[in-house]
Amino acid sequence: MTFHVGNLPPDILEADLRAAFAAHGRVSSVSIPREKMKGGRSSGAHRGFGFVVMKDPDQARKALAALDRKPLGGRELSVRSANPEHHPVYVH
């Protein structure tokens, strides 16, 4: 199951997001898209959302129930199921 995780704090790292979800099961991948400057270089700032993939449906449901509307880094997360067919691919 792929999750769209919104309202991420500005200083969060992919490792932080992975750790939050890994407390509830195995995480396959995590990505937090970064802003691009003119010329294609990353500015380092993220867009306030990310994606987390968990393969086990039971673990994914537990993570969703445990993390949606819960604080992380001082912000209340918004965790929603994302449509995998429309999951964007970001190149870092």
PDB file of N, CA and C in Angstrom:
ATOM      1  N   MET A   1       0.852  -1.166   0.000  1.00  0.00           N
ATOM      2  CA  MET A   1       0.000   0.000   0.000  1.00  0.00           C
ATOM      3  C   MET A   1       0.900   1.233   0.000  1.00  0.00           C
ATOM      4  N   THR A   2       0.555   2.190  -0.821  1.00  0.00           N
ATOM      5  CA  THR A   2       1.302   3.442  -0.899  1.00  0.00           C
ATOM      6  C   THR A   2       0.511   4.525  -0.181  1.00  0.00           C
ATOM      7  N   PHE A   3       1.211   5.242   0.694  1.00  0.00           N
ATOM      8  CA  PHE A   3       0.598   6.333   1.441  1.00  0.00           C
ATOM      9  C   PHE A   3       1.114   7.677   0.960  1.00  0.00           C
ATOM     10  N   HIS A   4       0.211   8.644   0.902  1.00  0.00           N
ATOM     11  CA  HIS A   4       0.581  10.053   0.743  1.00  0.00           C
ATOM     12  C   HIS A   4       0.557  10.622   2.149  1.00  0.00           C
ATOM     13  N   VAL A   5       1.681  11.175   2.589  1.00  0.00           N
ATOM     14  CA  VAL A   5       1.788  11.722   3.943  1.00  0.00           C
ATOM     15  C   VAL A   5       1.958  13.232   3.814  1.00  0.00           C
ATOM     16  N   GLY A   6       0.975  13.974   4.296  1.00  0.00           N
ATOM     17  CA  GLY A   6       0.999  15.428   4.177  1.00  0.00           C
ATOM     18  C   GLY A   6       1.268  16.122   5.494  1.00  0.00           C
ATOM     19  N   ASN A   7       1.508  17.421   5.397  1.00  0.00           N
ATOM     20  CA  ASN A   7       1.762  18.310   6.527  1.00  0.00           C
ATOM     21  C   ASN A   7       3.051  17.943   7.259  1.00  0.00           C
ATOM     22  N   LEU A   8       4.079  17.581   6.483  1.00  0.00           N
ATOM     23  CA  LEU A   8       5.365  17.231   7.082  1.00  0.00           C
ATOM     24  C   LEU A   8       6.077  18.463   7.619  1.00  0.00           C
ATOM     25  N   PRO A   9       6.764  18.341   8.757  1.00  0.00           N
ATOM     26  CA  PRO A   9       7.536  19.477   9.274  1.00  0.00           C
ATOM     27  C   PRO A   9       8.704  19.802   8.344  1.00  0.00           C
ATOM     28  N   PRO A  10       9.146  21.056   8.309  1.00  0.00           N
ATOM     29  CA  PRO A  10      10.170  21.475   7.355  1.00  0.00           C
ATOM     30  C   PRO A  10      11.515  20.766   7.511  1.00  0.00           C
ATOM     31  N   ASP A  11      11.839  20.328   8.710  1.00  0.00           N
ATOM     32  CA  ASP A  11      13.160  19.739   8.937  1.00  0.00           C
ATOM     33  C   ASP A  11      13.165  18.210   8.927  1.00  0.00           C
ATOM     34  N   ILE A  12      12.071  17.586   8.521  1.00  0.00           N
ATOM     35  CA  ILE A  12      11.993  16.121   8.545  1.00  0.00           C
ATOM     36  C   ILE A  12      12.885  15.510   7.458  1.00  0.00           C
ATOM     37  N   LEU A  13      13.456  14.375   7.777  1.00  0.00           N
ATOM     38  CA  LEU A  13      14.267  13.614   6.838  1.00  0.00           C
ATOM     39  C   LEU A  13      13.532  12.330   6.467  1.00  0.00           C
ATOM     40  N   GLU A  14      13.921  11.732   5.357  1.00  0.00           N
ATOM     41  CA  GLU A  14      13.311  10.464   4.960  1.00  0.00           C
ATOM     42  C   GLU A  14      13.496   9.410   6.050  1.00  0.00           C
ATOM     43  N   ALA A  15      14.638   9.434   6.727  1.00  0.00           N
ATOM     44  CA  ALA A  15      14.897   8.468   7.807  1.00  0.00           C
ATOM     45  C   ALA A  15      13.901   8.644   8.959  1.00  0.00           C
ATOM     46  N   ASP A  16      13.513   9.885   9.250  1.00  0.00           N
ATOM     47  CA  ASP A  16      12.536  10.146  10.312  1.00  0.00           C
ATOM     48  C   ASP A  16      11.163   9.581   9.941  1.00  0.00           C
ATOM     49  N   LEU A  17      10.766   9.809   8.695  1.00  0.00           N
ATOM     50  CA  LEU A  17       9.473   9.323   8.230  1.00  0.00           C
ATOM     51  C   LEU A  17       9.469   7.790   8.189  1.00  0.00           C
ATOM     52  N   ARG A  18      10.570   7.207   7.732  1.00  0.00           N
ATOM     53  CA  ARG A  18      10.700   5.745   7.706  1.00  0.00           C
ATOM     54  C   ARG A  18      10.571   5.174   9.115  1.00  0.00           C
ATOM     55  N   ALA A  19      11.232   5.789  10.076  1.00  0.00           N
ATOM     56  CA  ALA A  19      11.201   5.307  11.464  1.00  0.00           C
ATOM     57  C   ALA A  19       9.785   5.355  12.038  1.00  0.00           C
ATOM     58  N   ALA A  20       9.046   6.409  11.730  1.00  0.00           N
ATOM     59  CA  ALA A  20       7.680   6.529  12.239  1.00  0.00           C
ATOM     60  C   ALA A  20       6.802   5.391  11.724  1.00  0.00           C
ATOM     61  N   PHE A  21       6.942   5.061  10.441  1.00  0.00           N
ATOM     62  CA  PHE A  21       6.140   3.983   9.857  1.00  0.00           C
ATOM     63  C   PHE A  21       6.692   2.611  10.226  1.00  0.00           C
ATOM     64  N   ALA A  22       8.004   2.471  10.335  1.00  0.00           N
ATOM     65  CA  ALA A  22       8.629   1.185  10.648  1.00  0.00           C
ATOM     66  C   ALA A  22       8.246   0.689  12.042  1.00  0.00           C
ATOM     67  N   ALA A  23       7.811   1.584  12.904  1.00  0.00           N
ATOM     68  CA  ALA A  23       7.342   1.175  14.228  1.00  0.00           C
ATOM     69  C   ALA A  23       6.089   0.316  14.122  1.00  0.00           C
ATOM     70  N   HIS A  24       5.462   0.295  12.942  1.00  0.00           N
ATOM     71  CA  HIS A  24       4.212  -0.441  12.745  1.00  0.00           C
ATOM     72  C   HIS A  24       4.336  -1.558  11.708  1.00  0.00           C
ATOM     73  N   GLY A  25       5.518  -1.726  11.125  1.00  0.00           N
ATOM     74  CA  GLY A  25       5.724  -2.784  10.138  1.00  0.00           C
ATOM     75  C   GLY A  25       6.863  -2.461   9.197  1.00  0.00           C
ATOM     76  N   ARG A  26       7.044  -3.347   8.231  1.00  0.00           N
ATOM     77  CA  ARG A  26       8.149  -3.206   7.284  1.00  0.00           C
ATOM     78  C   ARG A  26       7.838  -2.154   6.216  1.00  0.00           C
ATOM     79  N   VAL A  27       8.765  -1.220   6.048  1.00  0.00           N
ATOM     80  CA  VAL A  27       8.625  -0.145   5.070  1.00  0.00           C
ATOM     81  C   VAL A  27       9.468  -0.494   3.849  1.00  0.00           C
ATOM     82  N   SER A  28       8.852  -0.488   2.668  1.00  0.00           N
ATOM     83  CA  SER A  28       9.563  -0.805   1.429  1.00  0.00           C
ATOM     84  C   SER A  28      10.329   0.395   0.889  1.00  0.00           C
ATOM     85  N   SER A  29       9.695   1.567   0.922  1.00  0.00           N
ATOM     86  CA  SER A  29      10.375   2.757   0.422  1.00  0.00           C
ATOM     87  C   SER A  29       9.741   4.024   0.988  1.00  0.00           C
ATOM     88  N   VAL A  30      10.539   5.086   0.986  1.00  0.00           N
ATOM     89  CA  VAL A  30      10.104   6.407   1.453  1.00  0.00           C
ATOM     90  C   VAL A  30      10.684   7.438   0.495  1.00  0.00           C
ATOM     91  N   SER A  31       9.879   8.414   0.112  1.00  0.00           N
ATOM     92  CA  SER A  31      10.409   9.532  -0.675  1.00  0.00           C
ATOM     93  C   SER A  31       9.730  10.826  -0.238  1.00  0.00           C
ATOM     94  N   ILE A  32      10.535  11.862  -0.151  1.00  0.00           N
ATOM     95  CA  ILE A  32      10.039  13.201   0.149  1.00  0.00           C
ATOM     96  C   ILE A  32      10.529  14.099  -0.989  1.00  0.00           C
ATOM     97  N   PRO A  33       9.645  14.473  -1.915  1.00  0.00           N
ATOM     98  CA  PRO A  33      10.054  15.303  -3.052  1.00  0.00           C
ATOM     99  C   PRO A  33      10.617  16.648  -2.592  1.00  0.00           C
ATOM    100  N   ARG A  34      11.667  17.065  -3.235  1.00  0.00           N
ATOM    101  CA  ARG A  34      12.333  18.337  -2.922  1.00  0.00           C
ATOM    102  C   ARG A  34      12.047  19.353  -4.017  1.00  0.00           C
ATOM    103  N   GLU A  35      12.026  20.608  -3.627  1.00  0.00           N
ATOM    104  CA  GLU A  35      11.836  21.696  -4.587  1.00  0.00           C
ATOM    105  C   GLU A  35      13.036  21.762  -5.520  1.00  0.00           C
ATOM    106  N   LYS A  36      12.783  22.130  -6.765  1.00  0.00           N
ATOM    107  CA  LYS A  36      13.853  22.312  -7.750  1.00  0.00           C
ATOM    108  C   LYS A  36      13.993  23.800  -8.065  1.00  0.00           C
ATOM    109  N   MET A  37      15.237  24.235  -8.174  1.00  0.00           N
ATOM    110  CA  MET A  37      15.507  25.610  -8.580  1.00  0.00           C
ATOM    111  C   MET A  37      15.631  25.635 -10.103  1.00  0.00           C
ATOM    112  N   LYS A  38      15.677  26.820 -10.669  1.00  0.00           N
ATOM    113  CA  LYS A  38      15.916  26.922 -12.103  1.00  0.00           C
ATOM    114  C   LYS A  38      17.239  26.233 -12.406  1.00  0.00           C
ATOM    115  N   GLY A  39      17.267  25.484 -13.468  1.00  0.00           N
ATOM    116  CA  GLY A  39      18.461  24.731 -13.817  1.00  0.00           C
ATOM    117  C   GLY A  39      18.407  23.302 -13.298  1.00  0.00           C
ATOM    118  N   GLY A  40      17.369  22.978 -12.502  1.00  0.00           N
ATOM    119  CA  GLY A  40      17.171  21.605 -12.071  1.00  0.00           C
ATOM    120  C   GLY A  40      17.829  21.192 -10.772  1.00  0.00           C
ATOM    121  N   ARG A  41      18.622  22.075 -10.155  1.00  0.00           N
ATOM    122  CA  ARG A  41      19.258  21.712  -8.883  1.00  0.00           C
ATOM    123  C   ARG A  41      18.225  21.758  -7.766  1.00  0.00           C
ATOM    124  N   SER A  42      18.414  20.894  -6.781  1.00  0.00           N
ATOM    125  CA  SER A  42      17.503  20.863  -5.635  1.00  0.00           C
ATOM    126  C   SER A  42      17.812  22.019  -4.696  1.00  0.00           C
ATOM    127  N   SER A  43      16.770  22.678  -4.215  1.00  0.00           N
ATOM    128  CA  SER A  43      16.963  23.763  -3.248  1.00  0.00           C
ATOM    129  C   SER A  43      17.107  23.196  -1.841  1.00  0.00           C
ATOM    130  N   GLY A  44      16.769  21.913  -1.675  1.00  0.00           N
ATOM    131  CA  GLY A  44      16.847  21.289  -0.362  1.00  0.00           C
ATOM    132  C   GLY A  44      15.540  21.327   0.393  1.00  0.00           C
ATOM    133  N   ALA A  45      14.688  22.282   0.094  1.00  0.00           N
ATOM    134  CA  ALA A  45      13.406  22.388   0.787  1.00  0.00           C
ATOM    135  C   ALA A  45      12.432  21.379   0.188  1.00  0.00           C
ATOM    136  N   HIS A  46      11.672  20.707   1.044  1.00  0.00           N
ATOM    137  CA  HIS A  46      10.684  19.775   0.510  1.00  0.00           C
ATOM    138  C   HIS A  46       9.339  20.464   0.362  1.00  0.00           C
ATOM    139  N   ARG A  47       8.413  19.783  -0.256  1.00  0.00           N
ATOM    140  CA  ARG A  47       7.119  20.363  -0.607  1.00  0.00           C
ATOM    141  C   ARG A  47       6.053  20.162   0.460  1.00  0.00           C
ATOM    142  N   GLY A  48       6.417  19.564   1.604  1.00  0.00           N
ATOM    143  CA  GLY A  48       5.450  19.397   2.683  1.00  0.00           C
ATOM    144  C   GLY A  48       4.714  18.075   2.667  1.00  0.00           C
ATOM    145  N   PHE A  49       5.086  17.193   1.720  1.00  0.00           N
ATOM    146  CA  PHE A  49       4.452  15.877   1.663  1.00  0.00           C
ATOM    147  C   PHE A  49       5.486  14.841   1.245  1.00  0.00           C
ATOM    148  N   GLY A  50       5.122  13.579   1.430  1.00  0.00           N
ATOM    149  CA  GLY A  50       5.989  12.488   1.027  1.00  0.00           C
ATOM    150  C   GLY A  50       5.173  11.246   0.744  1.00  0.00           C
ATOM    151  N   PHE A  51       5.867  10.186   0.339  1.00  0.00           N
ATOM    152  CA  PHE A  51       5.234   8.913   0.041  1.00  0.00           C
ATOM    153  C   PHE A  51       5.928   7.806   0.814  1.00  0.00           C
ATOM    154  N   VAL A  52       5.130   6.888   1.338  1.00  0.00           N
ATOM    155  CA  VAL A  52       5.654   5.726   2.056  1.00  0.00           C
ATOM    156  C   VAL A  52       4.973   4.491   1.478  1.00  0.00           C
ATOM    157  N   VAL A  53       5.770   3.452   1.196  1.00  0.00           N
ATOM    158  CA  VAL A  53       5.235   2.200   0.660  1.00  0.00           C
ATOM    159  C   VAL A  53       5.459   1.091   1.678  1.00  0.00           C
ATOM    160  N   MET A  54       4.371   0.398   2.003  1.00  0.00           N
ATOM    161  CA  MET A  54       4.414  -0.788   2.869  1.00  0.00           C
ATOM    162  C   MET A  54       3.708  -1.909   2.116  1.00  0.00           C
ATOM    163  N   LYS A  55       4.375  -3.055   1.960  1.00  0.00           N
ATOM    164  CA  LYS A  55       3.824  -4.163   1.169  1.00  0.00           C
ATOM    165  C   LYS A  55       2.763  -4.971   1.920  1.00  0.00           C
ATOM    166  N   ASP A  56       2.922  -5.145   3.237  1.00  0.00           N
ATOM    167  CA  ASP A  56       1.993  -5.969   4.010  1.00  0.00           C
ATOM    168  C   ASP A  56       0.730  -5.167   4.330  1.00  0.00           C
ATOM    169  N   PRO A  57      -0.443  -5.593   3.839  1.00  0.00           N
ATOM    170  CA  PRO A  57      -1.676  -4.823   4.035  1.00  0.00           C
ATOM    171  C   PRO A  57      -2.060  -4.653   5.507  1.00  0.00           C
ATOM    172  N   ASP A  58      -1.846  -5.676   6.327  1.00  0.00           N
ATOM    173  CA  ASP A  58      -2.193  -5.568   7.749  1.00  0.00           C
ATOM    174  C   ASP A  58      -1.316  -4.541   8.454  1.00  0.00           C
ATOM    175  N   GLN A  59      -0.026  -4.595   8.173  1.00  0.00           N
ATOM    176  CA  GLN A  59       0.893  -3.618   8.767  1.00  0.00           C
ATOM    177  C   GLN A  59       0.574  -2.214   8.276  1.00  0.00           C
ATOM    178  N   ALA A  60       0.224  -2.092   7.004  1.00  0.00           N
ATOM    179  CA  ALA A  60      -0.118  -0.785   6.428  1.00  0.00           C
ATOM    180  C   ALA A  60      -1.355  -0.206   7.107  1.00  0.00           C
ATOM    181  N   ARG A  61      -2.375  -1.033   7.326  1.00  0.00           N
ATOM    182  CA  ARG A  61      -3.586  -0.546   8.003  1.00  0.00           C
ATOM    183  C   ARG A  61      -3.278  -0.096   9.434  1.00  0.00           C
ATOM    184  N   LYS A  62      -2.410  -0.844  10.126  1.00  0.00           N
ATOM    185  CA  LYS A  62      -2.029  -0.463  11.487  1.00  0.00           C
ATOM    186  C   LYS A  62      -1.285   0.873  11.485  1.00  0.00           C
ATOM    187  N   ALA A  63      -0.387   1.052  10.528  1.00  0.00           N
ATOM    188  CA  ALA A  63       0.360   2.310  10.435  1.00  0.00           C
ATOM    189  C   ALA A  63      -0.582   3.475  10.150  1.00  0.00           C
ATOM    190  N   LEU A  64      -1.528   3.271   9.237  1.00  0.00           N
ATOM    191  CA  LEU A  64      -2.503   4.321   8.910  1.00  0.00           C
ATOM    192  C   LEU A  64      -3.293   4.722  10.148  1.00  0.00           C
ATOM    193  N   ALA A  65      -3.800   3.726  10.879  1.00  0.00           N
ATOM    194  CA  ALA A  65      -4.597   4.012  12.077  1.00  0.00           C
ATOM    195  C   ALA A  65      -3.757   4.697  13.149  1.00  0.00           C
ATOM    196  N   ALA A  66      -2.497   4.314  13.255  1.00  0.00           N
ATOM    197  CA  ALA A  66      -1.638   4.853  14.310  1.00  0.00           C
ATOM    198  C   ALA A  66      -1.105   6.251  14.011  1.00  0.00           C
ATOM    199  N   LEU A  67      -0.917   6.590  12.731  1.00  0.00           N
ATOM    200  CA  LEU A  67      -0.215   7.834  12.396  1.00  0.00           C
ATOM    201  C   LEU A  67      -1.086   8.958  11.839  1.00  0.00           C
ATOM    202  N   ASP A  68      -2.248   8.634  11.259  1.00  0.00           N
ATOM    203  CA  ASP A  68      -3.087   9.700  10.712  1.00  0.00           C
ATOM    204  C   ASP A  68      -3.560  10.617  11.838  1.00  0.00           C
ATOM    205  N   ARG A  69      -3.377  11.915  11.625  1.00  0.00           N
ATOM    206  CA  ARG A  69      -3.760  12.965  12.583  1.00  0.00           C
ATOM    207  C   ARG A  69      -2.965  12.917  13.893  1.00  0.00           C
ATOM    208  N   LYS A  70      -1.780  12.284  13.833  1.00  0.00           N
ATOM    209  CA  LYS A  70      -0.897  12.234  15.010  1.00  0.00           C
ATOM    210  C   LYS A  70       0.278  13.176  14.781  1.00  0.00           C
ATOM    211  N   PRO A  71       0.834  13.731  15.859  1.00  0.00           N
ATOM    212  CA  PRO A  71       1.939  14.687  15.704  1.00  0.00           C
ATOM    213  C   PRO A  71       3.266  14.009  15.354  1.00  0.00           C
ATOM    214  N   LEU A  72       4.015  14.671  14.508  1.00  0.00           N
ATOM    215  CA  LEU A  72       5.388  14.286  14.193  1.00  0.00           C
ATOM    216  C   LEU A  72       6.157  15.577  13.949  1.00  0.00           C
ATOM    217  N   GLY A  73       7.163  15.819  14.741  1.00  0.00           N
ATOM    218  CA  GLY A  73       7.954  17.033  14.580  1.00  0.00           C
ATOM    219  C   GLY A  73       7.157  18.301  14.793  1.00  0.00           C
ATOM    220  N   GLY A  74       6.118  18.234  15.643  1.00  0.00           N
ATOM    221  CA  GLY A  74       5.334  19.425  15.940  1.00  0.00           C
ATOM    222  C   GLY A  74       4.176  19.679  14.989  1.00  0.00           C
ATOM    223  N   ARG A  75       3.963  18.772  14.047  1.00  0.00           N
ATOM    224  CA  ARG A  75       2.845  18.934  13.098  1.00  0.00           C
ATOM    225  C   ARG A  75       1.965  17.696  13.100  1.00  0.00           C
ATOM    226  N   GLU A  76       0.666  17.904  12.854  1.00  0.00           N
ATOM    227  CA  GLU A  76      -0.279  16.796  12.764  1.00  0.00           C
ATOM    228  C   GLU A  76      -0.230  16.218  11.346  1.00  0.00           C
ATOM    229  N   LEU A  77       0.188  14.947  11.244  1.00  0.00           N
ATOM    230  CA  LEU A  77       0.302  14.308   9.934  1.00  0.00           C
ATOM    231  C   LEU A  77      -1.066  14.046   9.313  1.00  0.00           C
ATOM    232  N   SER A  78      -1.096  14.066   8.006  1.00  0.00           N
ATOM    233  CA  SER A  78      -2.255  13.642   7.241  1.00  0.00           C
ATOM    234  C   SER A  78      -1.803  12.439   6.413  1.00  0.00           C
ATOM    235  N   VAL A  79      -2.288  11.251   6.758  1.00  0.00           N
ATOM    236  CA  VAL A  79      -1.875  10.022   6.074  1.00  0.00           C
ATOM    237  C   VAL A  79      -3.066   9.485   5.291  1.00  0.00           C
ATOM    238  N   ARG A  80      -2.889   9.342   3.991  1.00  0.00           N
ATOM    239  CA  ARG A  80      -3.948   8.853   3.105  1.00  0.00           C
ATOM    240  C   ARG A  80      -3.382   7.798   2.166  1.00  0.00           C
ATOM    241  N   SER A  81      -4.235   6.895   1.744  1.00  0.00           N
ATOM    242  CA  SER A  81      -3.846   5.911   0.742  1.00  0.00           C
ATOM    243  C   SER A  81      -3.690   6.637  -0.591  1.00  0.00           C
ATOM    244  N   ALA A  82      -2.578   6.376  -1.269  1.00  0.00           N
ATOM    245  CA  ALA A  82      -2.324   7.001  -2.572  1.00  0.00           C
ATOM    246  C   ALA A  82      -2.647   5.992  -3.669  1.00  0.00           C
ATOM    247  N   ASN A  83      -2.983   6.478  -4.826  1.00  0.00           N
ATOM    248  CA  ASN A  83      -3.263   5.616  -5.964  1.00  0.00           C
ATOM    249  C   ASN A  83      -1.934   5.251  -6.620  1.00  0.00           C
ATOM    250  N   PRO A  84      -1.489   3.980  -6.525  1.00  0.00           N
ATOM    251  CA  PRO A  84      -0.177   3.609  -7.056  1.00  0.00           C
ATOM    252  C   PRO A  84      -0.024   3.856  -8.555  1.00  0.00           C
ATOM    253  N   GLU A  85      -1.120   3.802  -9.301  1.00  0.00           N
ATOM    254  CA  GLU A  85      -1.022   4.033 -10.745  1.00  0.00           C
ATOM    255  C   GLU A  85      -0.616   5.476 -11.050  1.00  0.00           C
ATOM    256  N   HIS A  86      -0.883   6.382 -10.119  1.00  0.00           N
ATOM    257  CA  HIS A  86      -0.559   7.785 -10.342  1.00  0.00           C
ATOM    258  C   HIS A  86       0.554   8.277  -9.419  1.00  0.00           C
ATOM    259  N   HIS A  87       1.313   7.351  -8.835  1.00  0.00           N
ATOM    260  CA  HIS A  87       2.413   7.713  -7.935  1.00  0.00           C
ATOM    261  C   HIS A  87       3.538   8.327  -8.758  1.00  0.00           C
ATOM    262  N   PRO A  88       3.835   9.587  -8.525  1.00  0.00           N
ATOM    263  CA  PRO A  88       4.889  10.231  -9.316  1.00  0.00           C
ATOM    264  C   PRO A  88       6.266   9.676  -8.956  1.00  0.00           C
ATOM    265  N   VAL A  89       7.151   9.708  -9.923  1.00  0.00           N
ATOM    266  CA  VAL A  89       8.527   9.279  -9.695  1.00  0.00           C
ATOM    267  C   VAL A  89       9.374  10.530  -9.635  1.00  0.00           C
ATOM    268  N   TYR A  90      10.106  10.689  -8.546  1.00  0.00           N
ATOM    269  CA  TYR A  90      10.961  11.854  -8.374  1.00  0.00           C
ATOM    270  C   TYR A  90      12.407  11.426  -8.441  1.00  0.00           C
ATOM    271  N   VAL A  91      13.199  12.169  -9.155  1.00  0.00           N
ATOM    272  CA  VAL A  91      14.623  11.879  -9.275  1.00  0.00           C
ATOM    273  C   VAL A  91      15.349  12.833  -8.350  1.00  0.00           C
ATOM    274  N   HIS A  92      16.167  12.267  -7.489  1.00  0.00           N
ATOM    275  CA  HIS A  92      16.906  13.093  -6.516  1.00  0.00           C
ATOM    276  C   HIS A  92      18.285  13.403  -7.032  1.00  0.00           C
TER     277      HIS A  92
END
